[in-house]
Amino acid sequence: MKLLTAALLLLFIAMCLTSTEGVKCKCSRKGPKIRFSNVRKLEVKPRYPFCVEEMIIVTLWTKVRGEQQHCLNPKRQNTVRLLKWYRVWKEKGR
């Protein structure tokens, strides 16, 4: 009986840890400088209690590497310009 209780408790703890895995800060490493023409998708996620700054995730496409996702530093001037450019580009209907 003790073994069954211990196994269920361990299973419960494992389930709790995997459910919190999805809410961790994804942008621990910042991505490279990018070309605006290679941008496929841009996601801006708000600041969470466990993240110091907002997350800006960009999906790029190149012939050599295919699709890749990178995190950008929201404080860099290039990222601010990319956000402005993407909003205008999206409003025009691409």
PDB file of N, CA and C in Angstrom:
ATOM      1  N   MET A   1       0.814  -1.190   0.000  1.00  0.00           N
ATOM      2  CA  MET A   1       0.000   0.000   0.000  1.00  0.00           C
ATOM      3  C   MET A   1       0.862   1.260   0.000  1.00  0.00           C
ATOM      4  N   LYS A   2       1.963   1.234   0.774  1.00  0.00           N
ATOM      5  CA  LYS A   2       2.845   2.389   0.823  1.00  0.00           C
ATOM      6  C   LYS A   2       3.517   2.620  -0.524  1.00  0.00           C
ATOM      7  N   LEU A   3       3.833   1.531  -1.211  1.00  0.00           N
ATOM      8  CA  LEU A   3       4.473   1.647  -2.513  1.00  0.00           C
ATOM      9  C   LEU A   3       3.518   2.285  -3.526  1.00  0.00           C
ATOM     10  N   LEU A   4       2.251   1.910  -3.492  1.00  0.00           N
ATOM     11  CA  LEU A   4       1.245   2.482  -4.379  1.00  0.00           C
ATOM     12  C   LEU A   4       1.052   3.967  -4.088  1.00  0.00           C
ATOM     13  N   THR A   5       0.998   4.341  -2.833  1.00  0.00           N
ATOM     14  CA  THR A   5       0.841   5.747  -2.446  1.00  0.00           C
ATOM     15  C   THR A   5       2.051   6.561  -2.899  1.00  0.00           C
ATOM     16  N   ALA A   6       3.235   6.023  -2.722  1.00  0.00           N
ATOM     17  CA  ALA A   6       4.451   6.712  -3.145  1.00  0.00           C
ATOM     18  C   ALA A   6       4.485   6.877  -4.663  1.00  0.00           C
ATOM     19  N   ALA A   7       4.053   5.861  -5.387  1.00  0.00           N
ATOM     20  CA  ALA A   7       4.037   5.928  -6.846  1.00  0.00           C
ATOM     21  C   ALA A   7       3.038   6.973  -7.330  1.00  0.00           C
ATOM     22  N   LEU A   8       1.862   7.019  -6.719  1.00  0.00           N
ATOM     23  CA  LEU A   8       0.869   8.022  -7.097  1.00  0.00           C
ATOM     24  C   LEU A   8       1.344   9.434  -6.767  1.00  0.00           C
ATOM     25  N   LEU A   9       1.995   9.596  -5.631  1.00  0.00           N
ATOM     26  CA  LEU A   9       2.531  10.896  -5.257  1.00  0.00           C
ATOM     27  C   LEU A   9       3.614  11.331  -6.243  1.00  0.00           C
ATOM     28  N   LEU A  10       4.478  10.420  -6.631  1.00  0.00           N
ATOM     29  CA  LEU A  10       5.520  10.726  -7.603  1.00  0.00           C
ATOM     30  C   LEU A  10       4.925  11.076  -8.965  1.00  0.00           C
ATOM     31  N   LEU A  11       3.894  10.381  -9.374  1.00  0.00           N
ATOM     32  CA  LEU A  11       3.203  10.669 -10.624  1.00  0.00           C
ATOM     33  C   LEU A  11       2.561  12.049 -10.585  1.00  0.00           C
ATOM     34  N   PHE A  12       1.955  12.394  -9.471  1.00  0.00           N
ATOM     35  CA  PHE A  12       1.329  13.701  -9.310  1.00  0.00           C
ATOM     36  C   PHE A  12       2.372  14.821  -9.398  1.00  0.00           C
ATOM     37  N   ILE A  13       3.510  14.633  -8.758  1.00  0.00           N
ATOM     38  CA  ILE A  13       4.576  15.639  -8.802  1.00  0.00           C
ATOM     39  C   ILE A  13       5.108  15.798 -10.220  1.00  0.00           C
ATOM     40  N   ALA A  14       5.269  14.692 -10.928  1.00  0.00           N
ATOM     41  CA  ALA A  14       5.750  14.747 -12.312  1.00  0.00           C
ATOM     42  C   ALA A  14       4.767  15.488 -13.204  1.00  0.00           C
ATOM     43  N   MET A  15       3.473  15.275 -13.000  1.00  0.00           N
ATOM     44  CA  MET A  15       2.460  15.968 -13.794  1.00  0.00           C
ATOM     45  C   MET A  15       2.481  17.468 -13.507  1.00  0.00           C
ATOM     46  N   CYS A  16       2.666  17.842 -12.266  1.00  0.00           N
ATOM     47  CA  CYS A  16       2.728  19.268 -11.905  1.00  0.00           C
ATOM     48  C   CYS A  16       3.940  19.939 -12.531  1.00  0.00           C
ATOM     49  N   LEU A  17       5.061  19.257 -12.548  1.00  0.00           N
ATOM     50  CA  LEU A  17       6.269  19.838 -13.126  1.00  0.00           C
ATOM     51  C   LEU A  17       6.165  19.986 -14.631  1.00  0.00           C
ATOM     52  N   THR A  18       5.528  19.050 -15.312  1.00  0.00           N
ATOM     53  CA  THR A  18       5.398  19.154 -16.762  1.00  0.00           C
ATOM     54  C   THR A  18       4.393  20.226 -17.151  1.00  0.00           C
ATOM     55  N   SER A  19       3.399  20.487 -16.318  1.00  0.00           N
ATOM     56  CA  SER A  19       2.429  21.524 -16.663  1.00  0.00           C
ATOM     57  C   SER A  19       3.026  22.910 -16.500  1.00  0.00           C
ATOM     58  N   THR A  20       3.982  23.097 -15.600  1.00  0.00           N
ATOM     59  CA  THR A  20       4.625  24.399 -15.445  1.00  0.00           C
ATOM     60  C   THR A  20       5.748  24.592 -16.451  1.00  0.00           C
ATOM     61  N   GLU A  21       6.139  23.551 -17.144  1.00  0.00           N
ATOM     62  CA  GLU A  21       7.213  23.642 -18.131  1.00  0.00           C
ATOM     63  C   GLU A  21       6.838  24.589 -19.265  1.00  0.00           C
ATOM     64  N   GLY A  22       5.567  24.632 -19.653  1.00  0.00           N
ATOM     65  CA  GLY A  22       5.124  25.457 -20.763  1.00  0.00           C
ATOM     66  C   GLY A  22       5.076  26.941 -20.457  1.00  0.00           C
ATOM     67  N   VAL A  23       5.133  27.329 -19.197  1.00  0.00           N
ATOM     68  CA  VAL A  23       5.033  28.740 -18.857  1.00  0.00           C
ATOM     69  C   VAL A  23       6.375  29.365 -18.516  1.00  0.00           C
ATOM     70  N   LYS A  24       7.474  28.642 -18.723  1.00  0.00           N
ATOM     71  CA  LYS A  24       8.791  29.211 -18.457  1.00  0.00           C
ATOM     72  C   LYS A  24       9.139  30.244 -19.520  1.00  0.00           C
ATOM     73  N   CYS A  25      10.066  31.087 -19.189  1.00  0.00           N
ATOM     74  CA  CYS A  25      10.529  32.112 -20.115  1.00  0.00           C
ATOM     75  C   CYS A  25      11.316  31.452 -21.246  1.00  0.00           C
ATOM     76  N   LYS A  26      10.867  31.616 -22.481  1.00  0.00           N
ATOM     77  CA  LYS A  26      11.507  30.971 -23.620  1.00  0.00           C
ATOM     78  C   LYS A  26      12.748  31.725 -24.092  1.00  0.00           C
ATOM     79  N   CYS A  27      12.808  32.995 -23.804  1.00  0.00           N
ATOM     80  CA  CYS A  27      13.874  33.831 -24.362  1.00  0.00           C
ATOM     81  C   CYS A  27      15.026  34.002 -23.389  1.00  0.00           C
ATOM     82  N   SER A  28      15.677  32.934 -23.047  1.00  0.00           N
ATOM     83  CA  SER A  28      16.841  33.057 -22.182  1.00  0.00           C
ATOM     84  C   SER A  28      18.066  33.459 -23.005  1.00  0.00           C
ATOM     85  N   ARG A  29      18.077  33.113 -24.286  1.00  0.00           N
ATOM     86  CA  ARG A  29      19.156  33.491 -25.195  1.00  0.00           C
ATOM     87  C   ARG A  29      18.581  34.340 -26.311  1.00  0.00           C
ATOM     88  N   LYS A  30      19.228  35.407 -26.662  1.00  0.00           N
ATOM     89  CA  LYS A  30      18.727  36.299 -27.701  1.00  0.00           C
ATOM     90  C   LYS A  30      19.281  35.899 -29.058  1.00  0.00           C
ATOM     91  N   GLY A  31      18.483  36.112 -30.097  1.00  0.00           N
ATOM     92  CA  GLY A  31      18.856  35.693 -31.438  1.00  0.00           C
ATOM     93  C   GLY A  31      19.743  36.688 -32.158  1.00  0.00           C
ATOM     94  N   PRO A  32      20.093  36.361 -33.393  1.00  0.00           N
ATOM     95  CA  PRO A  32      21.010  37.191 -34.175  1.00  0.00           C
ATOM     96  C   PRO A  32      20.298  38.379 -34.813  1.00  0.00           C
ATOM     97  N   LYS A  33      21.077  39.246 -35.447  1.00  0.00           N
ATOM     98  CA  LYS A  33      20.509  40.331 -36.228  1.00  0.00           C
ATOM     99  C   LYS A  33      19.856  39.709 -37.459  1.00  0.00           C
ATOM    100  N   ILE A  34      18.682  40.203 -37.830  1.00  0.00           N
ATOM    101  CA  ILE A  34      17.924  39.553 -38.894  1.00  0.00           C
ATOM    102  C   ILE A  34      17.621  40.522 -40.026  1.00  0.00           C
ATOM    103  N   ARG A  35      17.281  39.955 -41.164  1.00  0.00           N
ATOM    104  CA  ARG A  35      16.807  40.735 -42.305  1.00  0.00           C
ATOM    105  C   ARG A  35      15.288  40.755 -42.263  1.00  0.00           C
ATOM    106  N   PHE A  36      14.727  41.918 -42.520  1.00  0.00           N
ATOM    107  CA  PHE A  36      13.269  42.040 -42.471  1.00  0.00           C
ATOM    108  C   PHE A  36      12.599  41.190 -43.548  1.00  0.00           C
ATOM    109  N   SER A  37      13.247  41.005 -44.676  1.00  0.00           N
ATOM    110  CA  SER A  37      12.641  40.255 -45.777  1.00  0.00           C
ATOM    111  C   SER A  37      12.496  38.768 -45.465  1.00  0.00           C
ATOM    112  N   ASN A  38      13.239  38.252 -44.486  1.00  0.00           N
ATOM    113  CA  ASN A  38      13.168  36.834 -44.147  1.00  0.00           C
ATOM    114  C   ASN A  38      12.119  36.521 -43.092  1.00  0.00           C
ATOM    115  N   VAL A  39      11.426  37.526 -42.580  1.00  0.00           N
ATOM    116  CA  VAL A  39      10.474  37.326 -41.485  1.00  0.00           C
ATOM    117  C   VAL A  39       9.203  36.680 -42.009  1.00  0.00           C
ATOM    118  N   ARG A  40       8.821  35.569 -41.396  1.00  0.00           N
ATOM    119  CA  ARG A  40       7.563  34.903 -41.713  1.00  0.00           C
ATOM    120  C   ARG A  40       6.478  35.252 -40.701  1.00  0.00           C
ATOM    121  N   LYS A  41       6.859  35.255 -39.421  1.00  0.00           N
ATOM    122  CA  LYS A  41       5.878  35.477 -38.355  1.00  0.00           C
ATOM    123  C   LYS A  41       6.577  36.167 -37.190  1.00  0.00           C
ATOM    124  N   LEU A  42       5.838  37.042 -36.520  1.00  0.00           N
ATOM    125  CA  LEU A  42       6.369  37.762 -35.376  1.00  0.00           C
ATOM    126  C   LEU A  42       5.372  37.656 -34.236  1.00  0.00           C
ATOM    127  N   GLU A  43       5.824  37.206 -33.079  1.00  0.00           N
ATOM    128  CA  GLU A  43       4.966  37.066 -31.898  1.00  0.00           C
ATOM    129  C   GLU A  43       5.541  37.919 -30.771  1.00  0.00           C
ATOM    130  N   VAL A  44       4.682  38.725 -30.154  1.00  0.00           N
ATOM    131  CA  VAL A  44       5.090  39.504 -28.997  1.00  0.00           C
ATOM    132  C   VAL A  44       4.289  38.991 -27.818  1.00  0.00           C
ATOM    133  N   LYS A  45       4.981  38.404 -26.871  1.00  0.00           N
ATOM    134  CA  LYS A  45       4.321  37.855 -25.687  1.00  0.00           C
ATOM    135  C   LYS A  45       4.583  38.796 -24.513  1.00  0.00           C
ATOM    136  N   PRO A  46       3.578  39.029 -23.681  1.00  0.00           N
ATOM    137  CA  PRO A  46       3.740  39.978 -22.573  1.00  0.00           C
ATOM    138  C   PRO A  46       4.709  39.470 -21.514  1.00  0.00           C
ATOM    139  N   ARG A  47       5.093  40.385 -20.653  1.00  0.00           N
ATOM    140  CA  ARG A  47       5.999  40.048 -19.557  1.00  0.00           C
ATOM    141  C   ARG A  47       5.235  39.227 -18.528  1.00  0.00           C
ATOM    142  N   TYR A  48       5.822  38.134 -18.086  1.00  0.00           N
ATOM    143  CA  TYR A  48       5.242  37.269 -17.071  1.00  0.00           C
ATOM    144  C   TYR A  48       6.002  37.467 -15.767  1.00  0.00           C
ATOM    145  N   PRO A  49       5.482  36.994 -14.657  1.00  0.00           N
ATOM    146  CA  PRO A  49       6.204  37.143 -13.389  1.00  0.00           C
ATOM    147  C   PRO A  49       7.563  36.458 -13.376  1.00  0.00           C
ATOM    148  N   PHE A  50       7.734  35.426 -14.194  1.00  0.00           N
ATOM    149  CA  PHE A  50       8.988  34.687 -14.208  1.00  0.00           C
ATOM    150  C   PHE A  50       9.928  35.147 -15.310  1.00  0.00           C
ATOM    151  N   CYS A  51       9.519  36.130 -16.130  1.00  0.00           N
ATOM    152  CA  CYS A  51      10.374  36.696 -17.169  1.00  0.00           C
ATOM    153  C   CYS A  51      10.656  38.156 -16.844  1.00  0.00           C
ATOM    154  N   VAL A  52      11.879  38.567 -17.059  1.00  0.00           N
ATOM    155  CA  VAL A  52      12.262  39.941 -16.755  1.00  0.00           C
ATOM    156  C   VAL A  52      11.698  40.906 -17.792  1.00  0.00           C
ATOM    157  N   GLU A  53      11.643  40.505 -19.042  1.00  0.00           N
ATOM    158  CA  GLU A  53      11.178  41.379 -20.115  1.00  0.00           C
ATOM    159  C   GLU A  53      10.216  40.631 -21.029  1.00  0.00           C
ATOM    160  N   GLU A  54       9.528  41.376 -21.903  1.00  0.00           N
ATOM    161  CA  GLU A  54       8.589  40.726 -22.819  1.00  0.00           C
ATOM    162  C   GLU A  54       9.356  39.879 -23.823  1.00  0.00           C
ATOM    163  N   MET A  55       8.674  38.879 -24.350  1.00  0.00           N
ATOM    164  CA  MET A  55       9.304  37.956 -25.297  1.00  0.00           C
ATOM    165  C   MET A  55       8.903  38.335 -26.714  1.00  0.00           C
ATOM    166  N   ILE A  56       9.873  38.520 -27.579  1.00  0.00           N
ATOM    167  CA  ILE A  56       9.630  38.790 -28.995  1.00  0.00           C
ATOM    168  C   ILE A  56      10.229  37.623 -29.765  1.00  0.00           C
ATOM    169  N   ILE A  57       9.345  36.798 -30.321  1.00  0.00           N
ATOM    170  CA  ILE A  57       9.769  35.589 -31.029  1.00  0.00           C
ATOM    171  C   ILE A  57       9.495  35.793 -32.512  1.00  0.00           C
ATOM    172  N   VAL A  58      10.514  35.653 -33.315  1.00  0.00           N
ATOM    173  CA  VAL A  58      10.396  35.849 -34.749  1.00  0.00           C
ATOM    174  C   VAL A  58      10.705  34.525 -35.454  1.00  0.00           C
ATOM    175  N   THR A  59       9.899  34.212 -36.471  1.00  0.00           N
ATOM    176  CA  THR A  59      10.120  33.027 -37.287  1.00  0.00           C
ATOM    177  C   THR A  59      10.685  33.488 -38.622  1.00  0.00           C
ATOM    178  N   LEU A  60      11.863  32.991 -38.957  1.00  0.00           N
ATOM    179  CA  LEU A  60      12.552  33.372 -40.190  1.00  0.00           C
ATOM    180  C   LEU A  60      12.544  32.212 -41.168  1.00  0.00           C
ATOM    181  N   TRP A  61      12.647  32.544 -42.444  1.00  0.00           N
ATOM    182  CA  TRP A  61      12.765  31.516 -43.468  1.00  0.00           C
ATOM    183  C   TRP A  61      13.896  31.888 -44.408  1.00  0.00           C
ATOM    184  N   THR A  62      14.822  30.965 -44.613  1.00  0.00           N
ATOM    185  CA  THR A  62      15.888  31.131 -45.594  1.00  0.00           C
ATOM    186  C   THR A  62      15.984  29.853 -46.412  1.00  0.00           C
ATOM    187  N   LYS A  63      16.541  29.966 -47.599  1.00  0.00           N
ATOM    188  CA  LYS A  63      16.667  28.791 -48.473  1.00  0.00           C
ATOM    189  C   LYS A  63      17.611  27.758 -47.879  1.00  0.00           C
ATOM    190  N   VAL A  64      18.650  28.222 -47.238  1.00  0.00           N
ATOM    191  CA  VAL A  64      19.667  27.312 -46.721  1.00  0.00           C
ATOM    192  C   VAL A  64      19.192  26.588 -45.471  1.00  0.00           C
ATOM    193  N   ARG A  65      18.638  27.321 -44.515  1.00  0.00           N
ATOM    194  CA  ARG A  65      18.288  26.747 -43.216  1.00  0.00           C
ATOM    195  C   ARG A  65      16.811  26.441 -43.036  1.00  0.00           C
ATOM    196  N   GLY A  66      15.953  26.916 -43.903  1.00  0.00           N
ATOM    197  CA  GLY A  66      14.524  26.684 -43.752  1.00  0.00           C
ATOM    198  C   GLY A  66      13.942  27.600 -42.681  1.00  0.00           C
ATOM    199  N   GLU A  67      12.948  27.122 -41.952  1.00  0.00           N
ATOM    200  CA  GLU A  67      12.310  27.925 -40.898  1.00  0.00           C
ATOM    201  C   GLU A  67      13.049  27.774 -39.583  1.00  0.00           C
ATOM    202  N   GLN A  68      13.278  28.921 -38.923  1.00  0.00           N
ATOM    203  CA  GLN A  68      13.916  28.930 -37.620  1.00  0.00           C
ATOM    204  C   GLN A  68      13.250  29.976 -36.745  1.00  0.00           C
ATOM    205  N   GLN A  69      13.203  29.712 -35.448  1.00  0.00           N
ATOM    206  CA  GLN A  69      12.658  30.676 -34.496  1.00  0.00           C
ATOM    207  C   GLN A  69      13.787  31.249 -33.657  1.00  0.00           C
ATOM    208  N   HIS A  70      13.711  32.566 -33.432  1.00  0.00           N
ATOM    209  CA  HIS A  70      14.709  33.254 -32.616  1.00  0.00           C
ATOM    210  C   HIS A  70      14.004  34.212 -31.669  1.00  0.00           C
ATOM    211  N   CYS A  71      14.614  34.440 -30.538  1.00  0.00           N
ATOM    212  CA  CYS A  71      14.162  35.459 -29.601  1.00  0.00           C
ATOM    213  C   CYS A  71      14.985  36.713 -29.834  1.00  0.00           C
ATOM    214  N   LEU A  72      14.304  37.862 -29.811  1.00  0.00           N
ATOM    215  CA  LEU A  72      14.997  39.118 -30.017  1.00  0.00           C
ATOM    216  C   LEU A  72      14.997  39.936 -28.735  1.00  0.00           C
ATOM    217  N   ASN A  73      16.027  40.722 -28.570  1.00  0.00           N
ATOM    218  CA  ASN A  73      16.145  41.598 -27.418  1.00  0.00           C
ATOM    219  C   ASN A  73      15.238  42.809 -27.644  1.00  0.00           C
ATOM    220  N   PRO A  74      14.227  43.028 -26.784  1.00  0.00           N
ATOM    221  CA  PRO A  74      13.282  44.124 -27.015  1.00  0.00           C
ATOM    222  C   PRO A  74      13.884  45.508 -26.824  1.00  0.00           C
ATOM    223  N   LYS A  75      15.070  45.597 -26.248  1.00  0.00           N
ATOM    224  CA  LYS A  75      15.687  46.903 -26.003  1.00  0.00           C
ATOM    225  C   LYS A  75      16.566  47.373 -27.164  1.00  0.00           C
ATOM    226  N   ARG A  76      16.892  46.504 -28.087  1.00  0.00           N
ATOM    227  CA  ARG A  76      17.753  46.886 -29.213  1.00  0.00           C
ATOM    228  C   ARG A  76      16.975  47.718 -30.223  1.00  0.00           C
ATOM    229  N   GLN A  77      17.668  48.663 -30.831  1.00  0.00           N
ATOM    230  CA  GLN A  77      17.046  49.563 -31.807  1.00  0.00           C
ATOM    231  C   GLN A  77      16.543  48.791 -33.029  1.00  0.00           C
ATOM    232  N   ASN A  78      17.281  47.777 -33.445  1.00  0.00           N
ATOM    233  CA  ASN A  78      16.877  46.985 -34.600  1.00  0.00           C
ATOM    234  C   ASN A  78      15.545  46.265 -34.353  1.00  0.00           C
ATOM    235  N   THR A  79      15.323  45.800 -33.137  1.00  0.00           N
ATOM    236  CA  THR A  79      14.068  45.129 -32.798  1.00  0.00           C
ATOM    237  C   THR A  79      12.908  46.111 -32.790  1.00  0.00           C
ATOM    238  N   VAL A  80      13.127  47.305 -32.285  1.00  0.00           N
ATOM    239  CA  VAL A  80      12.081  48.333 -32.277  1.00  0.00           C
ATOM    240  C   VAL A  80      11.690  48.685 -33.708  1.00  0.00           C
ATOM    241  N   ARG A  81      12.690  48.821 -34.592  1.00  0.00           N
ATOM    242  CA  ARG A  81      12.396  49.099 -36.000  1.00  0.00           C
ATOM    243  C   ARG A  81      11.650  47.941 -36.654  1.00  0.00           C
ATOM    244  N   LEU A  82      12.018  46.709 -36.308  1.00  0.00           N
ATOM    245  CA  LEU A  82      11.336  45.544 -36.857  1.00  0.00           C
ATOM    246  C   LEU A  82       9.865  45.525 -36.443  1.00  0.00           C
ATOM    247  N   LEU A  83       9.577  45.840 -35.190  1.00  0.00           N
ATOM    248  CA  LEU A  83       8.191  45.869 -34.722  1.00  0.00           C
ATOM    249  C   LEU A  83       7.373  46.912 -35.476  1.00  0.00           C
ATOM    250  N   LYS A  84       7.942  48.105 -35.657  1.00  0.00           N
ATOM    251  CA  LYS A  84       7.237  49.155 -36.415  1.00  0.00           C
ATOM    252  C   LYS A  84       7.017  48.716 -37.855  1.00  0.00           C
ATOM    253  N   TRP A  85       8.046  48.167 -38.487  1.00  0.00           N
ATOM    254  CA  TRP A  85       7.943  47.722 -39.866  1.00  0.00           C
ATOM    255  C   TRP A  85       6.897  46.627 -40.013  1.00  0.00           C
ATOM    256  N   TYR A  86       6.877  45.672 -39.086  1.00  0.00           N
ATOM    257  CA  TYR A  86       5.951  44.547 -39.175  1.00  0.00           C
ATOM    258  C   TYR A  86       4.504  45.008 -39.026  1.00  0.00           C
ATOM    259  N   ARG A  87       4.261  45.958 -38.123  1.00  0.00           N
ATOM    260  CA  ARG A  87       2.893  46.469 -37.953  1.00  0.00           C
ATOM    261  C   ARG A  87       2.402  47.167 -39.208  1.00  0.00           C
ATOM    262  N   VAL A  88       3.249  47.993 -39.837  1.00  0.00           N
ATOM    263  CA  VAL A  88       2.873  48.665 -41.071  1.00  0.00           C
ATOM    264  C   VAL A  88       2.658  47.653 -42.179  1.00  0.00           C
ATOM    265  N   TRP A  89       3.550  46.683 -42.281  1.00  0.00           N
ATOM    266  CA  TRP A  89       3.451  45.659 -43.309  1.00  0.00           C
ATOM    267  C   TRP A  89       2.181  44.836 -43.170  1.00  0.00           C
ATOM    268  N   LYS A  90       1.812  44.545 -41.908  1.00  0.00           N
ATOM    269  CA  LYS A  90       0.614  43.755 -41.663  1.00  0.00           C
ATOM    270  C   LYS A  90      -0.652  44.546 -41.980  1.00  0.00           C
ATOM    271  N   GLU A  91      -0.651  45.850 -41.677  1.00  0.00           N
ATOM    272  CA  GLU A  91      -1.810  46.697 -41.971  1.00  0.00           C
ATOM    273  C   GLU A  91      -2.055  46.832 -43.477  1.00  0.00           C
ATOM    274  N   LYS A  92      -0.984  46.827 -44.271  1.00  0.00           N
ATOM    275  CA  LYS A  92      -1.122  46.954 -45.718  1.00  0.00           C
ATOM    276  C   LYS A  92      -1.615  45.684 -46.367  1.00  0.00           C
ATOM    277  N   GLY A  93      -1.693  44.607 -45.613  1.00  0.00           N
ATOM    278  CA  GLY A  93      -2.190  43.347 -46.151  1.00  0.00           C
ATOM    279  C   GLY A  93      -1.111  42.505 -46.768  1.00  0.00           C
ATOM    280  N   ARG A  94       0.133  42.791 -46.431  1.00  0.00           N
ATOM    281  CA  ARG A  94       1.297  42.035 -46.887  1.00  0.00           C
ATOM    282  C   ARG A  94       1.400  42.169 -48.374  1.00  0.00           C
TER     283      ARG A  94
END
